[in-house]
Amino acid sequence: MSITQSRFMYCSRMASEGVINQVASIVKVAREFNASQGITGMLVFDGQNFCQYIEGPSEPLAGLVQRIRQDARHTDFHELLALEETQGRQFESWSMAYQIVESDNDLGGFFHRQGTAALEYLLSLVPELDRA
């Protein structure tokens, strides 16, 4: 019996200046939780905007998405890629890859993309992020 895999992607804005001091802790907790649940993905932060793509077993991923939606540490939540079943993974070896980018990379560009266009945009940034 195979486990159904799903994926989800969103962007949001930091709720307050105090959140910036919590980002490292958020990533640490996410990595531990995700590893325990078989969830993988990537979080990119530019000091104001977040963009996150997550994938993994459908049930734990759906619970995580619900908690993310309710997290008061971010606002202006935009679903870019709806929670949907998928085959394979984009970030199989990363429980939560994390990259801080300079503001000139403008993660705000994610707010204008939807569906696979948003995911393709994130994937196009990965080589650049690897050099950062």
Foldseek 3Di string as FASTA:
>chain_A
DDFWKKKWKKKWWFLDLVCVVCVVVVQVVQLVVLVVQQKFWEWEAASTMIIIMMMGGLPVVVVVVVVVVVDNRTDPMDTAADTDTDPDDDGNPGSYHYAHDHCVVPPVVLVPHHHVVSVVVVVVCVVVRVVD
